[in-house]
Amino acid sequence: MNTGRLLAWLTAPLVGVVVLGMLAVWLFKALLGLAFYLLVGALVAGGAVYLYRKAKRAVEPGSRNRRRIEAAAETYRMRNR
């Protein structure tokens, strides 16, 4: 009877520590994965904003590309009269 009680008192804390460790590792992986996905999402969104601004600036009024587009459109309109 005392041997069973001693065995229970020795194994219960060990099992508790193992379960607590497994839970901590799982929680750490989940938080690290969430942080990784947030970082990747922020990089993708930032890159999209950067490309949008760069493209918008490339065809703003007075830029070389805008003048080329307008000249081509005018040539096309004059040719198809």
N, C-alpha and C. Protein backbone atom coordinates (compact mmCIF):
# COMPACT_ATOMS: atom_id res chain seq x y z
N MET A 1 0.83 -1.19 0.00
CA MET A 1 0.00 0.00 0.00
C MET A 1 0.87 1.25 0.00
N ASN A 2 1.87 1.30 0.84
CA ASN A 2 2.75 2.46 0.89
C ASN A 2 3.61 2.57 -0.36
N THR A 3 3.94 1.43 -0.95
CA THR A 3 4.77 1.45 -2.16
C THR A 3 3.98 2.07 -3.32
N GLY A 4 2.73 1.75 -3.45
CA GLY A 4 1.88 2.32 -4.50
C GLY A 4 1.72 3.83 -4.32
N ARG A 5 1.54 4.24 -3.10
CA ARG A 5 1.40 5.67 -2.82
C ARG A 5 2.71 6.41 -3.12
N LEU A 6 3.83 5.82 -2.76
CA LEU A 6 5.14 6.41 -3.04
C LEU A 6 5.36 6.53 -4.55
N LEU A 7 5.02 5.47 -5.26
CA LEU A 7 5.17 5.48 -6.70
C LEU A 7 4.30 6.57 -7.35
N ALA A 8 3.08 6.73 -6.86
CA ALA A 8 2.18 7.77 -7.38
C ALA A 8 2.73 9.16 -7.09
N TRP A 9 3.27 9.38 -5.90
CA TRP A 9 3.82 10.68 -5.54
C TRP A 9 5.10 11.00 -6.32
N LEU A 10 5.79 9.99 -6.79
CA LEU A 10 7.01 10.22 -7.58
C LEU A 10 6.71 10.41 -9.07
N THR A 11 5.73 9.69 -9.58
CA THR A 11 5.46 9.78 -11.03
C THR A 11 4.52 10.94 -11.39
N ALA A 12 3.64 11.33 -10.51
CA ALA A 12 2.69 12.40 -10.83
C ALA A 12 3.41 13.72 -11.15
N PRO A 13 4.39 14.15 -10.36
CA PRO A 13 5.10 15.39 -10.73
C PRO A 13 5.87 15.26 -12.05
N LEU A 14 6.44 14.09 -12.30
CA LEU A 14 7.17 13.90 -13.55
C LEU A 14 6.23 13.99 -14.75
N VAL A 15 5.09 13.35 -14.64
CA VAL A 15 4.10 13.41 -15.72
C VAL A 15 3.62 14.86 -15.89
N GLY A 16 3.41 15.56 -14.81
CA GLY A 16 2.98 16.96 -14.86
C GLY A 16 4.01 17.84 -15.54
N VAL A 17 5.28 17.64 -15.23
CA VAL A 17 6.34 18.43 -15.84
C VAL A 17 6.43 18.14 -17.34
N VAL A 18 6.31 16.88 -17.72
CA VAL A 18 6.36 16.52 -19.14
C VAL A 18 5.18 17.14 -19.89
N VAL A 19 3.98 17.06 -19.34
CA VAL A 19 2.80 17.63 -19.98
C VAL A 19 2.94 19.15 -20.08
N LEU A 20 3.42 19.78 -19.02
CA LEU A 20 3.62 21.22 -19.03
C LEU A 20 4.66 21.63 -20.07
N GLY A 21 5.72 20.86 -20.19
CA GLY A 21 6.74 21.13 -21.21
C GLY A 21 6.19 21.00 -22.61
N MET A 22 5.40 19.96 -22.85
CA MET A 22 4.79 19.77 -24.17
C MET A 22 3.86 20.94 -24.50
N LEU A 23 3.09 21.38 -23.54
CA LEU A 23 2.19 22.51 -23.74
C LEU A 23 2.97 23.79 -24.03
N ALA A 24 4.07 24.00 -23.33
CA ALA A 24 4.89 25.19 -23.55
C ALA A 24 5.51 25.18 -24.95
N VAL A 25 6.00 24.02 -25.39
CA VAL A 25 6.59 23.92 -26.73
C VAL A 25 5.52 24.17 -27.79
N TRP A 26 4.34 23.61 -27.62
CA TRP A 26 3.26 23.81 -28.57
C TRP A 26 2.87 25.30 -28.64
N LEU A 27 2.75 25.95 -27.49
CA LEU A 27 2.37 27.35 -27.45
C LEU A 27 3.46 28.22 -28.09
N PHE A 28 4.72 27.90 -27.83
CA PHE A 28 5.83 28.65 -28.42
C PHE A 28 5.83 28.53 -29.93
N LYS A 29 5.61 27.32 -30.44
CA LYS A 29 5.55 27.12 -31.89
C LYS A 29 4.38 27.89 -32.51
N ALA A 30 3.25 27.88 -31.84
CA ALA A 30 2.07 28.59 -32.35
C ALA A 30 2.33 30.09 -32.41
N LEU A 31 2.91 30.65 -31.37
CA LEU A 31 3.19 32.09 -31.34
C LEU A 31 4.26 32.46 -32.37
N LEU A 32 5.27 31.62 -32.50
CA LEU A 32 6.33 31.88 -33.47
C LEU A 32 5.77 31.80 -34.89
N GLY A 33 4.90 30.83 -35.15
CA GLY A 33 4.28 30.72 -36.46
C GLY A 33 3.40 31.92 -36.77
N LEU A 34 2.65 32.38 -35.78
CA LEU A 34 1.81 33.56 -35.96
C LEU A 34 2.66 34.79 -36.27
N ALA A 35 3.75 34.95 -35.55
CA ALA A 35 4.65 36.09 -35.80
C ALA A 35 5.24 36.00 -37.20
N PHE A 36 5.59 34.81 -37.64
CA PHE A 36 6.14 34.63 -38.98
C PHE A 36 5.12 35.02 -40.04
N TYR A 37 3.87 34.57 -39.89
CA TYR A 37 2.84 34.90 -40.86
C TYR A 37 2.54 36.40 -40.88
N LEU A 38 2.56 37.03 -39.70
CA LEU A 38 2.36 38.48 -39.65
C LEU A 38 3.48 39.21 -40.36
N LEU A 39 4.71 38.75 -40.16
CA LEU A 39 5.86 39.38 -40.82
C LEU A 39 5.78 39.24 -42.34
N VAL A 40 5.44 38.05 -42.81
CA VAL A 40 5.32 37.82 -44.25
C VAL A 40 4.19 38.67 -44.83
N GLY A 41 3.08 38.73 -44.14
CA GLY A 41 1.95 39.55 -44.59
C GLY A 41 2.31 41.02 -44.66
N ALA A 42 3.03 41.52 -43.66
CA ALA A 42 3.45 42.92 -43.67
C ALA A 42 4.41 43.20 -44.82
N LEU A 43 5.31 42.26 -45.10
CA LEU A 43 6.25 42.44 -46.22
C LEU A 43 5.51 42.45 -47.56
N VAL A 44 4.54 41.57 -47.73
CA VAL A 44 3.78 41.53 -48.98
C VAL A 44 2.96 42.81 -49.14
N ALA A 45 2.31 43.25 -48.09
CA ALA A 45 1.51 44.49 -48.17
C ALA A 45 2.41 45.69 -48.44
N GLY A 46 3.55 45.76 -47.76
CA GLY A 46 4.49 46.87 -47.99
C GLY A 46 5.03 46.86 -49.41
N GLY A 47 5.34 45.69 -49.94
CA GLY A 47 5.81 45.59 -51.32
C GLY A 47 4.75 46.02 -52.31
N ALA A 48 3.50 45.66 -52.04
CA ALA A 48 2.41 46.07 -52.94
C ALA A 48 2.24 47.58 -52.93
N VAL A 49 2.31 48.19 -51.76
CA VAL A 49 2.20 49.65 -51.66
C VAL A 49 3.37 50.31 -52.38
N TYR A 50 4.56 49.78 -52.22
CA TYR A 50 5.75 50.32 -52.88
C TYR A 50 5.60 50.25 -54.41
N LEU A 51 5.17 49.10 -54.92
CA LEU A 51 5.00 48.95 -56.37
C LEU A 51 3.89 49.85 -56.90
N TYR A 52 2.81 49.99 -56.14
CA TYR A 52 1.71 50.86 -56.56
C TYR A 52 2.18 52.31 -56.67
N ARG A 53 2.90 52.77 -55.66
CA ARG A 53 3.39 54.15 -55.68
C ARG A 53 4.39 54.37 -56.82
N LYS A 54 5.25 53.38 -57.03
CA LYS A 54 6.24 53.50 -58.09
C LYS A 54 5.55 53.55 -59.47
N ALA A 55 4.55 52.71 -59.68
CA ALA A 55 3.82 52.70 -60.95
C ALA A 55 3.03 53.99 -61.12
N LYS A 56 2.43 54.48 -60.05
CA LYS A 56 1.65 55.71 -60.13
C LYS A 56 2.56 56.90 -60.45
N ARG A 57 3.74 56.93 -59.85
CA ARG A 57 4.68 58.00 -60.10
C ARG A 57 5.24 57.95 -61.53
N ALA A 58 5.30 56.75 -62.10
CA ALA A 58 5.86 56.59 -63.45
C ALA A 58 4.95 57.18 -64.52
N VAL A 59 3.65 57.23 -64.26
CA VAL A 59 2.72 57.75 -65.27
C VAL A 59 2.00 59.00 -64.80
N GLU A 60 2.57 59.72 -63.85
CA GLU A 60 1.94 60.96 -63.40
C GLU A 60 2.08 62.02 -64.49
N PRO A 61 1.24 63.04 -64.47
CA PRO A 61 1.30 64.08 -65.50
C PRO A 61 2.69 64.73 -65.55
N GLY A 62 3.20 64.89 -66.76
CA GLY A 62 4.51 65.51 -66.94
C GLY A 62 5.66 64.54 -66.99
N SER A 63 5.41 63.29 -66.70
CA SER A 63 6.50 62.32 -66.75
C SER A 63 6.72 61.86 -68.18
N ARG A 64 7.87 61.31 -68.43
CA ARG A 64 8.23 60.87 -69.78
C ARG A 64 7.24 59.80 -70.27
N ASN A 65 6.92 58.86 -69.42
CA ASN A 65 5.99 57.80 -69.82
C ASN A 65 4.61 58.36 -70.15
N ARG A 66 4.14 59.31 -69.35
CA ARG A 66 2.82 59.90 -69.60
C ARG A 66 2.82 60.63 -70.95
N ARG A 67 3.89 61.38 -71.24
CA ARG A 67 3.97 62.07 -72.53
C ARG A 67 3.99 61.07 -73.69
N ARG A 68 4.69 59.97 -73.52
CA ARG A 68 4.73 58.94 -74.56
C ARG A 68 3.36 58.33 -74.78
N ILE A 69 2.64 58.05 -73.69
CA ILE A 69 1.30 57.47 -73.79
C ILE A 69 0.36 58.44 -74.50
N GLU A 70 0.42 59.72 -74.12
CA GLU A 70 -0.45 60.71 -74.74
C GLU A 70 -0.10 60.90 -76.22
N ALA A 71 1.19 60.90 -76.56
CA ALA A 71 1.59 61.05 -77.96
C ALA A 71 1.12 59.85 -78.78
N ALA A 72 1.24 58.66 -78.22
CA ALA A 72 0.78 57.47 -78.94
C ALA A 72 -0.73 57.49 -79.12
N ALA A 73 -1.46 57.93 -78.11
CA ALA A 73 -2.91 58.00 -78.21
C ALA A 73 -3.32 59.03 -79.26
N GLU A 74 -2.62 60.17 -79.29
CA GLU A 74 -2.93 61.19 -80.28
C GLU A 74 -2.63 60.70 -81.69
N THR A 75 -1.50 60.02 -81.87
CA THR A 75 -1.15 59.46 -83.17
C THR A 75 -2.19 58.45 -83.62
N TYR A 76 -2.64 57.62 -82.71
CA TYR A 76 -3.66 56.61 -83.02
C TYR A 76 -4.97 57.27 -83.44
N ARG A 77 -5.35 58.35 -82.71
CA ARG A 77 -6.60 59.06 -83.06
C ARG A 77 -6.49 59.73 -84.42
N MET A 78 -5.35 60.33 -84.70
CA MET A 78 -5.17 61.02 -85.99
C MET A 78 -5.14 60.01 -87.14
N ARG A 79 -4.58 58.87 -86.92
CA ARG A 79 -4.47 57.86 -87.99
C ARG A 79 -5.82 57.24 -88.31
N ASN A 80 -6.71 57.15 -87.33
CA ASN A 80 -8.00 56.47 -87.53
C ASN A 80 -9.14 57.46 -87.74
N ARG A 81 -8.89 58.59 -88.31
CA ARG A 81 -9.98 59.56 -88.60
C ARG A 81 -10.78 59.12 -89.78
